[in-house]
Amino acid sequence: MAREPNLLEASGVVRQFGAFTAVNVDRFDMVRGSITSLIGPNGAGKSTFFNVLSGFMPATAGTWSFDGAEISHLPADRIAKRGLVRTFQHTAIAPRLTVLENVMLGAKDTPGESFRAAVWPPAWKRAERRLAEQAMSVLDRFKLTHLHDTQASVLSGGQRKLLELARALMAEPQLLMLDEPMAGVNPSLRDSLLEHIVDVNKRGTSVLIIEHDMELVQRISDHVVCMAEGRIIAEGSAAQVSSNPAVVEAYLGARRSEAQEAPPTGQRSVTRADPVLAVDDMVAGYLPGVDVLRGCSVELRPAEIIGVFGPNGAGKSTLLKAIFGIAQTRRGSVRHNGDAITGIKGHALVARGIGYVPQLENVFAPLTVLENLQMGAFLSPERWEDGLNYVTELFPPLDRLGSKRAGDLSGGERQIVALARALMLRPAVLLLDEPSAGLSPLMQEQVFDFIAAIRVQGVAVLIVEQNARRCLEICDRGYVLDQGLNAYTGTGEELLHDERVEHLYLGVRNASSSPPRAENCTSSG
């Protein structure tokens, strides 16, 4: 049987942000009529690649063609009119319009798009009635007709996902690009969305999908492409890609020889002291009706390093954001030294001795390094000198960076500045979100060494980290999340050698698609 021709072809696509290269794809081809999944760890460049291909972000270099015609010079609206339509990781709807009106917005080449026709109602009213009928037909496919006159702002998160997919189909695309359509939705809605995507493909639309749930990727994909650090590192069938050593390494970090493993000062015996931070049965999220965390519990004891791991979309970063008052906690509690702090704002938590380093935008780019550190002491300026001495002793590279703009630093240097700023008031608890993401292997090693040194100072560290293997070497204990719930817990050593962790990252789950209940890695707990 003859192979279908390529619908989308890209060559030499590069996207840089200053000195940082987010995408560097030598060659990407997508076969017409297929469902192709784009996977990879956080920070791999997947969404940036989507943004470039769909015209929402200019490329630094490279060309790409769609349906035989080059489109690399076209803006997003003209690319969409040619039949390449995309959705977004965070749903983009018009909240003040009704559900029906939102779907109608997806239609292309409507008479009302012309100013001359727009001011002459007879020119567009008949066409609008036809569009409304077409939109109602699309809503019927998604079982949303009963909401057609409802303002979109009151929809649940799952309904918003369906609405965005319905609107995209109004454009009658040849290629539908879906950026994490399953993120944050409950299992039953996930299955419904999956059925709709498969149905769309059967009706003749090609699908390119970014998806973190490897079990779903294996169920629907004709072809899988894995990115890491902006490059394509593997492609083939789902089974081939998930078993590729380079893919396993990208998700979990490289295996290290015994000679390379962290020194014994990394892990300690598990302490039985009262927790300095306790999260109990947390349900949290961002959009109405979409719970990213669905009952997560974590304990952090004094001077421990606790790692939080799991596949993309498991709720790891949301856990830190909910603790720090950024994501909305809908149920459950957070306690600091026994005191309830659920929902308390970040500045109040800093005053209590809790520091937080986000994964992105974690420095003030226009300010110098010294000015960034001054921001770290903003709540207690009288402690500036003490804090500066403390962090410069912890991080020797700060001595040569003081007068440089933070925006001009390398990724590793920025991470040092972000860590130092969070430590200026000597917190007892430090929350770290993906501190090694996007760094070179050498710089990653330095960051992990710094984190181990921070713990020696008596700071308890709760860390979300993509390089699971390396991080587990310095962790006292770890929690593995799956779909917003605790899946496994154990010491760093136990989880480092637990095959179930690798299986969870790469899609080998129990027979049920539901996440397992939390289990200790040993019978003794």
Protein backbone atom coordinates (compact mmCIF):
# COMPACT_ATOMS: atom_id res chain seq x y z
CA MET A 1 0.00 0.00 0.00
CA ALA A 2 1.42 3.38 -1.04
CA ARG A 3 2.37 5.76 1.74
CA GLU A 4 0.30 8.93 1.98
CA PRO A 5 2.21 12.10 1.06
CA ASN A 6 3.36 14.52 3.75
CA LEU A 7 0.88 17.21 4.71
CA LEU A 8 3.33 19.20 6.83
CA GLU A 9 7.09 19.46 6.27
CA ALA A 10 9.57 21.55 8.26
CA SER A 11 13.30 22.02 7.78
CA GLY A 12 15.90 23.75 9.94
CA VAL A 13 13.35 25.40 12.24
CA VAL A 14 15.03 27.38 15.02
CA ARG A 15 13.49 29.62 17.65
CA GLN A 16 15.74 31.51 20.05
CA PHE A 17 14.96 33.73 23.03
CA GLY A 18 18.09 35.79 23.45
CA ALA A 19 20.94 33.32 23.92
CA PHE A 20 18.56 30.46 24.71
CA THR A 21 17.58 28.10 21.86
CA ALA A 22 14.09 26.76 22.58
CA VAL A 23 13.62 24.92 19.25
CA ASN A 24 16.23 23.48 16.91
CA VAL A 25 14.48 20.98 14.62
CA ASP A 26 16.48 19.75 11.64
CA ARG A 27 13.59 17.92 9.96
CA PHE A 28 9.94 17.23 10.76
CA ASP A 29 7.44 15.49 8.46
CA MET A 30 3.81 14.61 9.10
CA VAL A 31 1.90 12.19 6.89
CA ARG A 32 -1.50 13.28 5.59
CA GLY A 33 -4.40 11.57 7.35
CA SER A 34 -2.43 10.49 10.42
CA ILE A 35 -2.64 11.16 14.13
CA THR A 36 0.88 12.20 15.11
CA SER A 37 1.73 12.77 18.76
CA LEU A 38 4.47 15.15 19.88
CA ILE A 39 5.82 14.19 23.30
CA GLY A 40 8.71 15.16 25.54
CA PRO A 41 9.53 16.38 29.05
CA ASN A 42 8.66 19.84 30.32
CA GLY A 43 10.73 22.50 28.58
CA ALA A 44 11.38 20.33 25.51
CA GLY A 45 10.10 23.05 23.13
CA LYS A 46 6.89 21.36 22.02
CA SER A 47 4.49 24.28 22.47
CA THR A 48 7.05 26.72 21.09
CA PHE A 49 7.36 24.52 17.99
CA PHE A 50 3.55 24.58 17.69
CA ASN A 51 3.53 28.37 18.03
CA VAL A 52 6.11 28.74 15.27
CA LEU A 53 4.45 26.33 12.82
CA SER A 54 1.03 27.95 13.31
CA GLY A 55 2.34 31.50 12.83
CA PHE A 56 1.81 32.70 16.39
CA MET A 57 5.53 33.17 16.90
CA PRO A 58 8.22 34.07 14.35
CA ALA A 59 11.03 31.62 13.72
CA THR A 60 14.64 32.62 14.08
CA ALA A 61 15.46 30.40 11.09
CA GLY A 62 13.96 27.65 8.96
CA THR A 63 11.16 26.99 6.50
CA TRP A 64 8.03 24.85 6.53
CA SER A 65 5.30 23.98 4.06
CA PHE A 66 1.70 22.86 4.38
CA ASP A 67 -0.20 20.97 1.70
CA GLY A 68 2.63 21.63 -0.76
CA ALA A 69 2.85 25.41 -0.24
CA GLU A 70 5.41 27.25 1.88
CA ILE A 71 3.75 29.01 4.84
CA SER A 72 6.76 30.02 6.93
CA HIS A 73 6.29 33.67 5.92
CA LEU A 74 2.56 33.82 6.68
CA PRO A 75 0.82 35.22 9.81
CA ALA A 76 -1.40 33.00 11.94
CA ASP A 77 -4.73 34.09 10.43
CA ARG A 78 -3.65 33.30 6.87
CA ILE A 79 -2.19 29.95 7.93
CA ALA A 80 -5.53 29.10 9.56
CA LYS A 81 -7.41 30.01 6.37
CA ARG A 82 -5.25 27.53 4.48
CA GLY A 83 -6.52 24.77 6.77
CA LEU A 84 -3.94 24.53 9.58
CA VAL A 85 -5.90 25.24 12.76
CA ARG A 86 -4.73 24.91 16.36
CA THR A 87 -6.03 24.96 19.93
CA PHE A 88 -4.15 26.14 22.99
CA GLN A 89 -2.90 24.50 26.16
CA HIS A 90 -4.89 27.04 28.17
CA THR A 91 -8.28 27.37 26.53
CA ALA A 92 -8.74 30.60 24.58
CA ILE A 93 -12.45 31.43 24.38
CA ALA A 94 -14.42 34.68 24.15
CA PRO A 95 -15.94 34.66 27.65
CA ARG A 96 -18.61 37.31 27.02
CA LEU A 97 -20.02 35.58 23.94
CA THR A 98 -22.41 32.67 24.02
CA VAL A 99 -21.33 29.13 23.27
CA LEU A 100 -22.94 29.35 19.82
CA GLU A 101 -21.25 32.66 19.04
CA ASN A 102 -17.87 31.24 20.08
CA VAL A 103 -18.25 28.34 17.66
CA MET A 104 -19.36 30.66 14.85
CA LEU A 105 -16.14 32.65 15.33
CA GLY A 106 -14.23 29.67 13.95
CA ALA A 107 -15.77 29.89 10.49
CA LYS A 108 -13.55 31.33 7.78
CA ASP A 109 -14.29 33.68 4.86
CA THR A 110 -17.56 34.97 6.31
CA PRO A 111 -19.16 38.01 4.61
CA GLY A 112 -18.97 40.03 7.82
CA GLU A 113 -15.17 40.01 7.64
CA SER A 114 -15.40 42.66 4.94
CA PHE A 115 -16.08 46.19 6.20
CA ARG A 116 -18.27 46.99 3.19
CA ALA A 117 -20.42 43.91 3.78
CA ALA A 118 -20.50 44.43 7.54
CA VAL A 119 -22.28 47.80 7.22
CA TRP A 120 -24.87 46.34 4.80
CA PRO A 121 -26.92 43.76 6.79
CA PRO A 122 -28.53 42.05 3.78
CA ALA A 123 -25.01 41.04 2.72
CA TRP A 124 -24.31 39.00 5.85
CA LYS A 125 -27.57 38.10 7.61
CA ARG A 126 -28.40 35.16 5.35
CA ALA A 127 -24.85 33.82 5.63
CA GLU A 128 -24.97 34.22 9.41
CA ARG A 129 -28.11 32.09 9.61
CA ARG A 130 -26.31 29.37 7.65
CA LEU A 131 -23.31 29.63 9.96
CA ALA A 132 -25.55 29.32 13.02
CA GLU A 133 -27.08 26.15 11.60
CA GLN A 134 -23.62 24.76 10.88
CA ALA A 135 -22.43 25.69 14.37
CA MET A 136 -25.43 23.99 15.98
CA SER A 137 -24.61 20.86 14.01
CA VAL A 138 -21.05 20.94 15.37
CA LEU A 139 -22.32 21.53 18.92
CA ASP A 140 -24.58 18.52 18.52
CA ARG A 141 -21.52 16.35 17.83
CA PHE A 142 -20.09 17.48 21.15
CA LYS A 143 -23.40 17.26 23.05
CA LEU A 144 -23.32 20.98 23.79
CA THR A 145 -26.51 22.11 22.06
CA HIS A 146 -28.30 22.62 25.38
CA LEU A 147 -25.68 25.26 26.21
CA HIS A 148 -25.80 27.14 22.91
CA ASP A 149 -27.27 30.31 24.48
CA THR A 150 -25.07 30.15 27.61
CA GLN A 151 -22.31 32.70 28.16
CA ALA A 152 -18.99 30.92 27.72
CA SER A 153 -17.53 32.40 30.92
CA VAL A 154 -19.67 30.11 33.10
CA LEU A 155 -18.58 26.86 31.43
CA SER A 156 -16.58 24.29 33.34
CA GLY A 157 -13.00 23.61 32.30
CA GLY A 158 -14.00 20.43 30.49
CA GLN A 159 -16.79 22.18 28.61
CA ARG A 160 -14.33 24.87 27.56
CA LYS A 161 -12.06 22.19 26.10
CA LEU A 162 -14.97 20.81 24.08
CA LEU A 163 -15.99 24.30 22.98
CA GLU A 164 -12.51 25.12 21.73
CA LEU A 165 -12.37 21.88 19.77
CA ALA A 166 -15.81 22.56 18.29
CA ARG A 167 -14.77 26.08 17.24
CA ALA A 168 -11.63 24.73 15.58
CA LEU A 169 -13.73 22.32 13.51
CA MET A 170 -15.88 25.19 12.22
CA ALA A 171 -12.83 26.22 10.19
CA GLU A 172 -13.00 22.84 8.38
CA PRO A 173 -9.27 22.21 8.91
CA GLN A 174 -7.09 19.82 6.98
CA LEU A 175 -4.75 19.69 9.99
CA LEU A 176 -5.86 20.14 13.57
CA MET A 177 -3.06 20.94 16.03
CA LEU A 178 -4.02 20.26 19.65
CA ASP A 179 -1.83 21.54 22.48
CA GLU A 180 -2.40 19.33 25.54
CA PRO A 181 -6.17 18.93 25.08
CA MET A 182 -6.41 16.45 27.97
CA ALA A 183 -4.56 18.60 30.52
CA GLY A 184 -6.45 18.89 33.78
CA VAL A 185 -9.62 17.07 32.70
CA ASN A 186 -11.17 14.22 34.66
CA PRO A 187 -10.84 10.64 33.35
CA SER A 188 -14.39 10.38 31.97
CA LEU A 189 -14.09 13.63 30.02
CA ARG A 190 -10.63 12.58 28.87
CA ASP A 191 -12.12 9.49 27.27
CA SER A 192 -14.84 11.61 25.64
CA LEU A 193 -12.28 14.03 24.20
CA LEU A 194 -10.25 11.10 22.96
CA GLU A 195 -13.27 9.69 21.12
CA HIS A 196 -13.91 13.07 19.49
CA ILE A 197 -10.30 13.34 18.33
CA VAL A 198 -10.39 9.86 16.81
CA ASP A 199 -13.73 10.68 15.15
CA VAL A 200 -12.31 13.91 13.71
CA ASN A 201 -9.45 11.93 12.20
CA LYS A 202 -11.77 9.29 10.75
CA ARG A 203 -13.72 12.08 9.01
CA GLY A 204 -10.55 13.07 7.14
CA THR A 205 -8.77 15.61 9.33
CA SER A 206 -5.11 15.03 10.16
CA VAL A 207 -4.25 15.55 13.83
CA LEU A 208 -0.99 16.71 15.43
CA ILE A 209 -1.28 16.52 19.20
CA ILE A 210 0.92 17.43 22.15
CA GLU A 211 0.01 15.00 24.90
CA HIS A 212 1.66 13.99 28.17
CA ASP A 213 -0.40 10.90 28.96
CA MET A 214 1.63 8.18 27.31
CA GLU A 215 -1.11 5.59 27.75
CA LEU A 216 -3.40 7.77 25.60
CA VAL A 217 -0.61 8.39 23.11
CA GLN A 218 -0.20 4.66 22.65
CA ARG A 219 -3.94 4.23 22.10
CA ILE A 220 -4.44 6.76 19.32
CA SER A 221 -1.15 7.52 17.58
CA ASP A 222 -0.06 6.43 14.13
CA HIS A 223 3.31 8.08 14.67
CA VAL A 224 5.07 9.53 17.72
CA VAL A 225 7.80 12.18 17.78
CA CYS A 226 9.76 12.93 20.96
CA MET A 227 11.48 16.26 21.60
CA ALA A 228 14.03 17.13 24.28
CA GLU A 229 15.97 20.37 24.72
CA GLY A 230 14.43 21.73 21.51
CA ARG A 231 15.48 18.83 19.28
CA ILE A 232 13.77 15.72 17.94
CA ILE A 233 15.50 12.78 19.61
CA ALA A 234 13.30 9.87 18.49
CA GLU A 235 10.32 9.00 16.32
CA GLY A 236 8.41 5.91 15.27
CA SER A 237 5.55 3.90 16.72
CA ALA A 238 4.49 4.54 20.31
CA ALA A 239 6.10 1.29 21.43
CA GLN A 240 9.37 2.09 19.66
CA VAL A 241 9.59 5.60 21.09
CA SER A 242 8.62 4.72 24.68
CA SER A 243 11.33 2.05 24.81
CA ASN A 244 14.02 4.22 23.19
CA PRO A 245 16.89 4.77 25.69
CA ALA A 246 17.22 8.42 24.66
CA VAL A 247 13.53 8.99 25.46
CA VAL A 248 13.80 7.25 28.83
CA GLU A 249 16.83 9.41 29.61
CA ALA A 250 15.02 12.59 28.54
CA TYR A 251 12.13 11.90 30.91
CA LEU A 252 14.02 10.47 33.88
CA GLY A 253 17.59 11.72 33.49
CA ALA A 254 20.68 9.75 32.58
CA ARG A 255 21.67 6.65 34.49
CA ARG A 256 24.90 7.21 36.36
CA SER A 257 27.58 4.71 37.20
CA GLU A 258 28.32 3.90 40.83
CA ALA A 259 31.42 6.07 40.60
CA GLN A 260 29.30 9.03 39.48
CA GLU A 261 26.55 8.71 42.05
CA ALA A 262 26.07 11.41 44.65
CA PRO A 263 28.16 11.08 47.81
CA PRO A 264 26.59 9.75 50.99
CA THR A 265 25.98 13.30 52.22
CA GLY A 266 23.08 13.45 49.76
CA GLN A 267 20.54 11.19 51.50
CA ARG A 268 20.06 10.72 55.21
CA SER A 269 18.06 8.36 57.31
CA VAL A 270 14.39 9.33 57.35
CA THR A 271 13.63 11.63 60.28
CA ARG A 272 10.52 11.17 62.42
CA ALA A 273 10.34 14.83 63.49
CA ASP A 274 7.05 16.70 63.17
CA PRO A 275 6.57 18.08 59.65
CA VAL A 276 7.52 21.69 59.03
CA LEU A 277 5.12 21.65 56.05
CA ALA A 278 2.12 19.34 55.65
CA VAL A 279 -0.30 19.14 52.71
CA ASP A 280 -3.39 17.04 53.35
CA ASP A 281 -5.89 15.82 50.72
CA MET A 282 -5.36 18.85 48.48
CA VAL A 283 -7.72 19.50 45.56
CA ALA A 284 -6.56 22.46 43.49
CA GLY A 285 -6.60 23.93 39.99
CA TYR A 286 -6.93 27.05 37.87
CA LEU A 287 -10.09 26.91 35.75
CA PRO A 288 -13.63 26.36 37.07
CA GLY A 289 -14.47 22.68 37.20
CA VAL A 290 -10.93 21.51 36.37
CA ASP A 291 -9.10 19.95 39.30
CA VAL A 292 -5.42 19.41 38.55
CA LEU A 293 -4.76 18.01 42.03
CA ARG A 294 -7.44 15.57 43.15
CA GLY A 295 -6.47 14.63 46.70
CA CYS A 296 -2.71 14.98 47.08
CA SER A 297 -0.89 14.72 50.42
CA VAL A 298 2.77 15.52 51.20
CA GLU A 299 4.84 15.97 54.36
CA LEU A 300 8.17 17.82 54.61
CA ARG A 301 10.23 17.53 57.80
CA PRO A 302 13.02 19.85 59.03
CA ALA A 303 16.19 19.84 56.88
CA GLU A 304 14.80 17.20 54.50
CA ILE A 305 14.96 17.20 50.73
CA ILE A 306 11.69 15.82 49.40
CA GLY A 307 11.22 15.28 45.66
CA VAL A 308 7.90 15.33 43.82
CA PHE A 309 7.91 13.39 40.56
CA GLY A 310 5.52 12.10 37.93
CA PRO A 311 4.68 12.41 34.23
CA ASN A 312 3.92 15.79 32.70
CA GLY A 313 0.48 16.97 33.74
CA ALA A 314 0.48 15.00 37.01
CA GLY A 315 0.07 18.18 39.07
CA LYS A 316 3.60 18.64 40.41
CA SER A 317 4.01 22.35 39.72
CA THR A 318 0.39 22.97 40.71
CA LEU A 319 1.19 21.48 44.12
CA LEU A 320 3.89 24.10 44.72
CA LYS A 321 1.70 26.91 43.37
CA ALA A 322 -1.19 25.87 45.61
CA ILE A 323 1.07 25.75 48.66
CA PHE A 324 2.33 29.25 47.79
CA GLY A 325 -1.19 30.64 47.25
CA ILE A 326 -0.96 30.99 43.45
CA ALA A 327 -3.25 28.13 42.37
CA GLN A 328 -6.69 27.92 43.97
CA THR A 329 -7.03 25.32 46.72
CA ARG A 330 -10.59 23.97 46.65
CA ARG A 331 -10.32 21.36 49.35
CA GLY A 332 -7.75 20.13 51.82
CA SER A 333 -5.25 21.99 53.94
CA VAL A 334 -1.69 23.29 54.11
CA ARG A 335 0.02 23.64 57.49
CA HIS A 336 3.33 25.27 58.38
CA ASN A 337 4.69 24.27 61.78
CA GLY A 338 1.17 23.20 62.66
CA ASP A 339 -0.46 26.51 61.67
CA ALA A 340 -3.06 26.59 58.87
CA ILE A 341 -1.72 28.59 55.89
CA THR A 342 -4.09 27.41 53.15
CA GLY A 343 -4.65 30.19 50.63
CA ILE A 344 -2.35 32.71 52.35
CA LYS A 345 -0.69 35.06 49.85
CA GLY A 346 2.92 34.62 48.85
CA HIS A 347 4.36 37.70 50.58
CA ALA A 348 2.87 36.55 53.90
CA LEU A 349 4.39 33.11 53.39
CA VAL A 350 7.80 34.65 52.71
CA ALA A 351 7.48 36.56 55.98
CA ARG A 352 6.76 33.23 57.71
CA GLY A 353 9.96 31.70 56.32
CA ILE A 354 8.80 29.95 53.15
CA GLY A 355 10.68 30.67 49.91
CA TYR A 356 9.57 29.81 46.38
CA VAL A 357 11.51 29.64 43.11
CA PRO A 358 9.22 29.22 40.06
CA GLN A 359 10.37 27.43 36.93
CA LEU A 360 9.81 30.39 34.60
CA GLU A 361 10.35 34.13 34.99
CA ASN A 362 12.21 33.61 38.24
CA VAL A 363 14.43 36.70 38.00
CA PHE A 364 13.76 40.39 37.34
CA ALA A 365 15.44 40.56 33.93
CA PRO A 366 15.93 44.37 33.71
CA LEU A 367 17.55 44.54 37.17
CA THR A 368 21.13 43.75 38.09
CA VAL A 369 21.98 40.70 40.16
CA LEU A 370 22.47 42.84 43.28
CA GLU A 371 19.11 44.53 42.69
CA ASN A 372 17.48 41.10 42.37
CA LEU A 373 18.96 40.14 45.72
CA GLN A 374 17.69 43.39 47.22
CA MET A 375 14.20 42.37 46.09
CA GLY A 376 14.68 39.18 48.07
CA ALA A 377 15.13 41.26 51.23
CA PHE A 378 12.31 43.69 50.38
CA LEU A 379 10.12 42.66 53.33
CA SER A 380 12.99 43.09 55.84
CA PRO A 381 15.56 45.53 54.42
CA GLU A 382 17.38 45.62 57.74
CA ARG A 383 18.44 42.01 57.06
CA TRP A 384 20.05 42.88 53.71
CA GLU A 385 23.69 42.65 54.77
CA ASP A 386 23.20 39.41 56.70
CA GLY A 387 21.29 37.88 53.78
CA LEU A 388 23.92 38.97 51.24
CA ASN A 389 26.73 37.41 53.25
CA TYR A 390 24.67 34.23 53.61
CA VAL A 391 23.95 33.73 49.90
CA THR A 392 27.40 34.76 48.63
CA GLU A 393 28.93 32.15 50.91
CA LEU A 394 26.48 29.55 49.56
CA PHE A 395 26.88 30.62 45.92
CA PRO A 396 30.45 31.80 45.13
CA PRO A 397 29.59 32.70 41.48
CA LEU A 398 27.53 35.66 42.80
CA ASP A 399 30.72 37.62 43.50
CA ARG A 400 31.44 38.09 39.80
CA LEU A 401 27.80 38.60 38.74
CA GLY A 402 26.71 41.48 40.98
CA SER A 403 26.64 44.30 38.42
CA LYS A 404 25.32 42.25 35.48
CA ARG A 405 21.74 42.51 34.29
CA ALA A 406 19.85 39.32 35.16
CA GLY A 407 18.42 39.22 31.65
CA ASP A 408 21.94 38.89 30.20
CA LEU A 409 22.88 35.86 32.29
CA SER A 410 23.03 32.25 31.13
CA GLY A 411 20.29 29.87 32.25
CA GLY A 412 22.47 28.40 34.98
CA GLU A 413 23.50 31.82 36.29
CA ARG A 414 19.85 32.91 36.39
CA GLN A 415 19.00 29.84 38.42
CA ILE A 416 21.70 30.71 40.96
CA VAL A 417 20.33 34.26 41.25
CA ALA A 418 16.77 32.94 41.67
CA LEU A 419 17.88 30.54 44.42
CA ALA A 420 19.88 33.26 46.15
CA ARG A 421 17.03 35.76 46.07
CA ALA A 422 14.64 33.22 47.64
CA LEU A 423 17.19 32.58 50.42
CA MET A 424 17.91 36.21 51.32
CA LEU A 425 15.66 36.07 54.40
CA ARG A 426 16.97 32.64 55.42
CA PRO A 427 13.73 30.68 55.03
CA ALA A 428 13.25 27.37 56.81
CA VAL A 429 11.31 25.95 53.84
CA LEU A 430 12.22 26.30 50.15
CA LEU A 431 9.93 25.31 47.26
CA LEU A 432 11.78 24.65 43.98
CA ASP A 433 10.03 24.14 40.65
CA GLU A 434 12.19 22.38 38.03
CA PRO A 435 15.48 24.07 38.99
CA SER A 436 17.54 22.09 36.43
CA ALA A 437 15.19 22.53 33.45
CA GLY A 438 16.95 23.74 30.31
CA LEU A 439 20.43 23.72 31.87
CA SER A 440 23.54 22.04 30.52
CA PRO A 441 24.56 18.76 32.22
CA LEU A 442 27.47 20.52 33.95
CA MET A 443 25.25 23.31 35.24
CA GLN A 444 22.63 20.78 36.38
CA GLU A 445 25.29 19.11 38.52
CA GLN A 446 26.19 22.45 40.09
CA VAL A 447 22.53 23.19 40.86
CA PHE A 448 22.03 19.82 42.57
CA ASP A 449 25.23 20.40 44.57
CA PHE A 450 23.87 23.81 45.63
CA ILE A 451 20.57 22.25 46.72
CA ALA A 452 22.41 19.68 48.84
CA ALA A 453 24.41 22.54 50.39
CA ILE A 454 21.21 24.46 51.14
CA ARG A 455 19.89 21.50 53.12
CA VAL A 456 23.12 21.39 55.16
CA GLN A 457 22.20 24.90 56.34
CA GLY A 458 19.04 23.44 57.90
CA VAL A 459 16.61 24.40 55.11
CA ALA A 460 13.86 21.91 54.26
CA VAL A 461 13.51 21.65 50.46
CA LEU A 462 10.43 20.52 48.50
CA ILE A 463 11.54 20.11 44.90
CA VAL A 464 9.69 19.33 41.68
CA GLU A 465 12.26 18.06 39.20
CA GLN A 466 12.24 16.58 35.70
CA ASN A 467 15.64 14.90 36.11
CA ALA A 468 14.18 12.29 38.44
CA ARG A 469 17.19 10.01 38.65
CA ARG A 470 19.68 12.71 39.60
CA CYS A 471 17.30 14.38 42.02
CA LEU A 472 16.44 11.12 43.79
CA GLU A 473 20.13 10.69 44.58
CA ILE A 474 19.97 13.70 46.93
CA CYS A 475 16.38 13.22 48.18
CA ASP A 476 15.58 11.77 51.59
CA ARG A 477 12.12 10.81 50.40
CA GLY A 478 9.99 11.22 47.31
CA TYR A 479 6.38 11.31 46.17
CA VAL A 480 5.30 10.16 42.71
CA LEU A 481 2.07 11.74 41.44
CA ASP A 482 -0.24 10.50 38.70
CA GLN A 483 -3.27 12.45 37.49
CA GLY A 484 -3.29 14.65 40.57
CA LEU A 485 -3.10 11.83 43.12
CA ASN A 486 -0.33 10.18 45.12
CA ALA A 487 0.78 7.05 43.29
CA TYR A 488 3.96 5.89 45.06
CA THR A 489 6.09 7.11 47.93
CA GLY A 490 9.37 5.94 49.40
CA THR A 491 12.92 6.92 50.16
CA GLY A 492 15.02 8.40 47.40
CA GLU A 493 16.98 5.15 47.12
CA GLU A 494 13.82 3.04 46.88
CA LEU A 495 12.21 5.17 44.18
CA LEU A 496 15.48 5.44 42.25
CA HIS A 497 15.39 1.67 41.64
CA ASP A 498 11.60 1.20 41.39
CA GLU A 499 10.65 0.12 37.85
CA ARG A 500 7.09 1.32 38.38
CA VAL A 501 8.30 4.92 38.31
CA GLU A 502 9.74 4.50 34.81
CA HIS A 503 6.59 2.70 33.68
CA LEU A 504 4.43 5.55 34.95
CA TYR A 505 6.45 8.18 33.07
CA LEU A 506 6.35 6.24 29.80
CA GLY A 507 2.80 4.96 29.81
CA VAL A 508 2.80 1.44 31.24
CA ARG A 509 0.01 1.63 33.82
CA ASN A 510 -2.18 -0.90 35.53
CA ALA A 511 -5.05 -2.27 33.47
CA SER A 512 -7.31 0.54 34.65
CA SER A 513 -6.69 4.03 33.29
CA SER A 514 -7.26 5.40 36.77
CA PRO A 515 -4.15 6.20 38.80
CA PRO A 516 -3.18 3.75 41.52
CA ARG A 517 -3.62 4.51 45.18
CA ALA A 518 -0.47 5.66 46.94
CA GLU A 519 1.82 2.77 47.77
CA ASN A 520 5.05 2.61 49.72
CA CYS A 521 7.92 1.05 47.85
CA THR A 522 8.57 -1.42 50.65
CA SER A 523 6.17 -3.34 52.83
CA SER A 524 7.65 -1.69 55.90
CA GLY A 525 6.74 1.75 54.57
